[in-house]
Amino acid sequence: MQSEPAGPSSLPAMRPRHWIIHVSVVAALSGGLALRGQAPGFDAVSIKPHVGPPGVGGFISAPPGQYRATNVRVSQILGVAWDAPMGIKGLPKWASEEAIDVEVKWPVNTPRDQLVEMFRSMFAERMKLQVHYETVDDPSFALTVARADGRLGRGLTRSTLDCEAVGAAMRAGHPLPDLPNGAGPCRMWESNDTILAGGITMAELAQHLTGPSGRQVVDRTGLEGRWEFVLHFSREERDPNAPLGLYPSLFTALQNELGLKLVPFVGKNKLLVIDHIERPTAN
């Protein structure tokens, strides 16, 4: 059964999400290949042990048609090929400890869905990787309208922007000025304690609440279209007696400012399971 959060003290203890580096290069770029023998491969692939001082943080970049990862672990780069919202099970110790450098190149205009398969093929060829998904229980939040009469908060405004036209203008090199609330048109800006929305969907808001809430968030508001708002909040602390900071908690801010709430429930999510993996062959 679902229960409504009356405040931070009534909520079940939340566990932080331990995300692998979920690289957005696949979403941001276009690239290439299905499975081996079904589509062209990468133009170039280099994987080698990292040479350098230990303990220095890794670096990942993704210029058009390229992917470069320096001083990273295998556990950090699997996210370019597999979504792992519940993490990864079965990785050997070396995959999280031994640093490698990876450089990959592909034709710039290759489709995105083929790029995902291209990375999967590379992992299979160079690391003999075999994986599968398991569905597991995932304590989650449903984003819903707080009031029974459906009335929304004073801080939530329906957007009148034509986001297709905004996108076309930006692609043509005509960026539009920010909205009065500081957000870019049809975009969202977020920091540790602030979300500025310049015309986003409730599904997009739910996705971005996953980090600060510590749980998967799914949209069940029933609100169509795009919305503009400013939301200031403090993240929940592990110690219930610790100060929450300048702003109210995320739960209170959502309800007071936007007329929305997060309702806990047990959902289902994907756990990536490693069946077999070997150290990558170097070149």
Protein backbone atom coordinates (compact mmCIF):
# COMPACT_ATOMS: atom_id res chain seq x y z
CA MET A 1 0.00 0.00 0.00
CA GLN A 2 1.10 3.53 -0.62
CA SER A 3 1.39 6.05 2.17
CA GLU A 4 1.70 9.80 2.06
CA PRO A 5 4.77 11.48 3.52
CA ALA A 6 3.67 13.88 6.24
CA GLY A 7 7.20 15.21 6.63
CA PRO A 8 10.82 14.11 6.87
CA SER A 9 10.35 12.29 10.20
CA SER A 10 7.57 10.09 8.81
CA LEU A 11 9.50 8.89 5.78
CA PRO A 12 11.25 5.53 5.65
CA ALA A 13 15.02 5.78 5.76
CA MET A 14 16.30 6.63 2.30
CA ARG A 15 19.34 5.02 0.80
CA PRO A 16 21.56 7.08 -1.49
CA ARG A 17 21.80 6.03 -5.11
CA HIS A 18 25.21 4.71 -6.02
CA TRP A 19 25.24 5.47 -9.73
CA ILE A 20 27.96 4.25 -12.01
CA ILE A 21 29.20 7.09 -14.23
CA HIS A 22 26.17 7.19 -16.45
CA VAL A 23 27.82 8.88 -19.41
CA SER A 24 25.50 11.03 -21.49
CA VAL A 25 27.63 10.77 -24.62
CA VAL A 26 25.20 8.28 -26.14
CA ALA A 27 22.37 10.77 -25.72
CA ALA A 28 24.41 13.80 -26.71
CA LEU A 29 26.19 12.45 -29.78
CA SER A 30 25.45 10.31 -32.78
CA GLY A 31 27.54 7.25 -33.42
CA GLY A 32 27.63 3.72 -34.73
CA LEU A 33 27.28 -0.25 -34.92
CA ALA A 34 24.95 -3.08 -34.21
CA LEU A 35 26.30 -6.52 -33.34
CA ARG A 36 29.45 -7.87 -34.91
CA GLY A 37 28.88 -8.78 -38.53
CA GLN A 38 25.57 -6.86 -38.71
CA ALA A 39 26.87 -3.29 -39.03
CA PRO A 40 30.19 -1.46 -39.46
CA GLY A 41 32.51 -1.26 -36.48
CA PHE A 42 34.30 1.63 -34.85
CA ASP A 43 36.83 3.45 -37.00
CA ALA A 44 39.38 3.08 -34.19
CA VAL A 45 39.49 1.55 -30.72
CA SER A 46 42.30 1.86 -28.20
CA ILE A 47 42.21 0.31 -24.71
CA LYS A 48 45.34 0.24 -22.59
CA PRO A 49 46.38 0.28 -18.93
CA HIS A 50 46.60 3.80 -17.55
CA VAL A 51 50.13 5.03 -16.82
CA GLY A 52 50.26 7.78 -14.25
CA PRO A 53 50.12 8.61 -10.56
CA PRO A 54 47.55 6.57 -8.61
CA GLY A 55 44.60 8.26 -6.98
CA VAL A 56 44.17 10.98 -9.60
CA GLY A 57 40.55 11.32 -10.71
CA GLY A 58 39.47 10.06 -14.12
CA PHE A 59 38.42 12.20 -17.06
CA ILE A 60 35.83 11.50 -19.75
CA SER A 61 35.18 13.62 -22.83
CA ALA A 62 32.98 13.14 -25.88
CA PRO A 63 33.74 15.42 -28.81
CA PRO A 64 31.71 14.65 -31.96
CA GLY A 65 32.44 11.15 -33.21
CA GLN A 66 34.76 10.31 -30.32
CA TYR A 67 34.82 8.95 -26.78
CA ARG A 68 37.85 9.43 -24.57
CA ALA A 69 38.18 8.11 -21.03
CA THR A 70 41.44 8.57 -19.13
CA ASN A 71 42.29 6.94 -15.80
CA VAL A 72 38.89 5.26 -15.47
CA ARG A 73 37.73 1.84 -14.30
CA VAL A 74 35.73 -0.65 -16.32
CA SER A 75 32.93 -0.27 -13.78
CA GLN A 76 32.68 3.42 -14.72
CA ILE A 77 32.35 3.06 -18.46
CA LEU A 78 29.81 0.25 -18.79
CA GLY A 79 27.11 2.94 -18.59
CA VAL A 80 27.75 3.96 -22.19
CA ALA A 81 26.28 0.64 -23.30
CA TRP A 82 23.91 -0.49 -20.54
CA ASP A 83 21.55 1.44 -18.32
CA ALA A 84 22.12 0.28 -14.74
CA PRO A 85 19.75 2.20 -12.45
CA MET A 86 20.15 -0.34 -9.63
CA GLY A 87 23.88 -0.76 -10.11
CA ILE A 88 25.98 -3.70 -11.27
CA LYS A 89 26.25 -7.15 -9.71
CA GLY A 90 29.06 -9.60 -10.26
CA LEU A 91 31.93 -7.30 -11.25
CA PRO A 92 35.34 -8.68 -10.24
CA LYS A 93 37.50 -6.57 -7.95
CA TRP A 94 39.91 -5.54 -10.69
CA ALA A 95 37.09 -3.92 -12.69
CA SER A 96 36.67 -1.31 -9.96
CA GLU A 97 40.35 -0.86 -9.11
CA GLU A 98 42.54 -1.12 -12.23
CA ALA A 99 42.74 2.11 -14.26
CA ILE A 100 42.56 2.11 -18.05
CA ASP A 101 42.55 4.63 -20.91
CA VAL A 102 39.98 4.24 -23.69
CA GLU A 103 39.71 6.09 -26.99
CA VAL A 104 37.06 5.28 -29.58
CA LYS A 105 36.22 6.96 -32.91
CA TRP A 106 33.25 6.53 -35.25
CA PRO A 107 31.54 8.32 -38.16
CA VAL A 108 29.90 11.46 -36.77
CA ASN A 109 26.53 10.91 -38.44
CA THR A 110 26.01 7.30 -37.34
CA PRO A 111 22.64 6.73 -35.55
CA ARG A 112 22.51 6.78 -31.76
CA ASP A 113 20.86 3.36 -31.32
CA GLN A 114 23.63 1.78 -33.37
CA LEU A 115 26.25 3.50 -31.21
CA VAL A 116 24.93 1.70 -28.14
CA GLU A 117 25.25 -1.65 -29.91
CA MET A 118 28.70 -0.64 -31.12
CA PHE A 119 29.91 -0.19 -27.55
CA ARG A 120 28.31 -3.47 -26.53
CA SER A 121 30.11 -5.23 -29.35
CA MET A 122 33.40 -3.65 -28.27
CA PHE A 123 32.94 -4.86 -24.69
CA ALA A 124 32.09 -8.34 -25.93
CA GLU A 125 35.12 -8.49 -28.23
CA ARG A 126 37.72 -6.90 -25.98
CA MET A 127 36.53 -8.13 -22.58
CA LYS A 128 34.46 -11.22 -23.49
CA LEU A 129 31.64 -9.51 -21.62
CA GLN A 130 28.32 -11.31 -21.13
CA VAL A 131 25.50 -9.68 -19.13
CA HIS A 132 21.82 -9.95 -18.36
CA TYR A 133 19.24 -7.93 -16.43
CA GLU A 134 17.39 -8.94 -13.28
CA THR A 135 14.24 -7.17 -12.14
CA VAL A 136 14.44 -6.22 -8.48
CA ASP A 137 12.28 -4.37 -5.99
CA ASP A 138 13.17 -0.69 -5.84
CA PRO A 139 11.80 1.60 -3.12
CA SER A 140 10.58 4.51 -5.22
CA PHE A 141 8.56 7.71 -5.19
CA ALA A 142 5.53 8.59 -7.28
CA LEU A 143 5.30 12.28 -8.16
CA THR A 144 1.64 13.21 -7.74
CA VAL A 145 -0.60 16.27 -7.33
CA ALA A 146 -0.80 17.07 -3.62
CA ARG A 147 -4.38 18.40 -3.32
CA ALA A 148 -7.46 16.25 -3.78
CA ASP A 149 -9.13 19.05 -5.78
CA GLY A 150 -6.17 19.12 -8.21
CA ARG A 151 -5.23 22.72 -7.48
CA LEU A 152 -1.56 23.39 -8.10
CA GLY A 153 0.91 25.53 -6.18
CA ARG A 154 1.44 29.20 -6.89
CA GLY A 155 4.96 28.54 -8.13
CA LEU A 156 3.92 26.18 -10.95
CA THR A 157 3.00 27.86 -14.24
CA ARG A 158 2.00 26.23 -17.51
CA SER A 159 4.46 27.13 -20.26
CA THR A 160 3.21 28.75 -23.47
CA LEU A 161 6.49 28.23 -25.32
CA ASP A 162 6.62 26.35 -28.62
CA CYS A 163 9.58 24.13 -27.84
CA GLU A 164 9.86 22.81 -31.38
CA ALA A 165 10.30 26.39 -32.59
CA VAL A 166 12.78 27.09 -29.78
CA GLY A 167 14.82 24.04 -30.76
CA ALA A 168 14.79 25.04 -34.43
CA ALA A 169 15.98 28.55 -33.55
CA MET A 170 18.84 27.23 -31.44
CA ARG A 171 19.93 24.77 -34.12
CA ALA A 172 19.97 27.67 -36.58
CA GLY A 173 22.32 29.58 -34.31
CA HIS A 174 19.73 31.92 -32.79
CA PRO A 175 19.75 31.18 -29.06
CA LEU A 176 16.91 32.79 -27.13
CA PRO A 177 17.35 34.78 -23.92
CA ASP A 178 16.62 33.18 -20.57
CA LEU A 179 13.14 33.46 -19.09
CA PRO A 180 12.44 35.88 -16.19
CA ASN A 181 12.94 33.01 -13.71
CA GLY A 182 16.49 32.50 -14.99
CA ALA A 183 15.90 29.25 -16.86
CA GLY A 184 16.64 28.75 -20.52
CA PRO A 185 13.57 28.38 -22.75
CA CYS A 186 12.38 24.75 -22.85
CA ARG A 187 15.33 23.81 -20.65
CA MET A 188 16.14 23.19 -17.03
CA TRP A 189 19.05 24.27 -14.85
CA GLU A 190 19.78 22.57 -11.57
CA SER A 191 22.27 22.84 -8.73
CA ASN A 192 22.57 21.13 -5.37
CA ASP A 193 19.56 23.01 -3.95
CA THR A 194 17.78 24.69 -6.89
CA ILE A 195 15.85 23.70 -10.00
CA LEU A 196 15.00 26.36 -12.60
CA ALA A 197 12.53 25.07 -15.18
CA GLY A 198 11.83 26.97 -18.37
CA GLY A 199 9.27 24.63 -19.88
CA ILE A 200 9.76 20.97 -18.96
CA THR A 201 7.40 18.02 -18.68
CA MET A 202 6.44 16.35 -15.43
CA ALA A 203 8.24 13.22 -16.62
CA GLU A 204 11.43 15.26 -16.96
CA LEU A 205 10.95 16.72 -13.50
CA ALA A 206 10.43 13.23 -12.04
CA GLN A 207 13.65 12.03 -13.65
CA HIS A 208 15.64 14.90 -12.15
CA LEU A 209 14.16 14.36 -8.68
CA THR A 210 15.71 10.89 -8.54
CA GLY A 211 19.07 12.26 -7.40
CA PRO A 212 17.98 14.65 -4.64
CA SER A 213 15.28 12.30 -3.32
CA GLY A 214 17.57 9.27 -3.25
CA ARG A 215 15.04 7.07 -5.02
CA GLN A 216 13.64 6.39 -8.45
CA VAL A 217 10.84 8.90 -9.13
CA VAL A 218 8.04 8.24 -11.64
CA ASP A 219 5.52 10.75 -12.90
CA ARG A 220 1.94 10.05 -11.84
CA THR A 221 0.69 13.63 -11.82
CA GLY A 222 -1.45 13.29 -14.92
CA LEU A 223 -0.32 16.81 -15.89
CA GLU A 224 0.27 17.17 -19.61
CA GLY A 225 2.32 19.79 -21.40
CA ARG A 226 5.29 21.81 -20.19
CA TRP A 227 5.78 23.82 -17.01
CA GLU A 228 7.85 26.69 -15.64
CA PHE A 229 8.92 27.09 -12.01
CA VAL A 230 11.71 27.81 -9.54
CA LEU A 231 12.23 25.30 -6.73
CA HIS A 232 14.63 25.86 -3.82
CA PHE A 233 15.13 23.00 -1.38
CA SER A 234 17.53 21.38 1.06
CA ARG A 235 18.47 17.75 0.62
CA GLU A 236 17.46 15.35 3.35
CA GLU A 237 20.22 14.70 5.87
CA ARG A 238 21.12 11.25 7.19
CA ASP A 239 20.90 12.61 10.74
CA PRO A 240 17.30 13.69 11.38
CA ASN A 241 18.58 16.21 13.96
CA ALA A 242 20.97 17.86 11.50
CA PRO A 243 20.00 21.30 10.17
CA LEU A 244 18.33 21.24 6.75
CA GLY A 245 19.91 24.50 5.64
CA LEU A 246 18.49 27.66 4.17
CA TYR A 247 15.55 26.08 2.35
CA PRO A 248 12.87 23.57 3.39
CA SER A 249 13.24 19.91 2.52
CA LEU A 250 12.55 18.74 -1.02
CA PHE A 251 9.25 17.20 0.12
CA THR A 252 8.04 20.38 1.80
CA ALA A 253 9.20 22.64 -1.05
CA LEU A 254 7.45 20.52 -3.68
CA GLN A 255 4.18 20.63 -1.78
CA ASN A 256 4.26 24.27 -0.67
CA GLU A 257 5.59 25.82 -3.87
CA LEU A 258 4.39 23.55 -6.67
CA GLY A 259 1.44 21.70 -5.16
CA LEU A 260 3.12 18.35 -5.81
CA LYS A 261 4.21 15.55 -3.51
CA LEU A 262 6.35 12.43 -3.46
CA VAL A 263 4.51 9.28 -2.38
CA PRO A 264 6.63 6.22 -1.50
CA PHE A 265 5.92 2.88 -3.14
CA VAL A 266 7.88 -0.22 -4.11
CA GLY A 267 8.53 -0.27 -7.82
CA LYS A 268 10.58 -2.48 -10.12
CA ASN A 269 13.90 -1.63 -11.67
CA LYS A 270 16.81 -3.17 -13.53
CA LEU A 271 19.93 -4.66 -11.97
CA LEU A 272 22.73 -5.32 -14.45
CA VAL A 273 24.32 -8.72 -13.77
CA ILE A 274 27.77 -9.64 -15.08
CA ASP A 275 27.86 -13.27 -16.24
CA HIS A 276 31.44 -13.17 -17.57
CA ILE A 277 34.13 -10.54 -18.04
CA GLU A 278 37.89 -10.62 -18.67
CA ARG A 279 40.54 -7.94 -18.47
CA PRO A 280 40.51 -5.98 -21.73
CA THR A 281 43.06 -6.89 -24.34
CA ALA A 282 45.40 -3.91 -24.71
CA ASN A 283 46.43 -2.17 -27.93
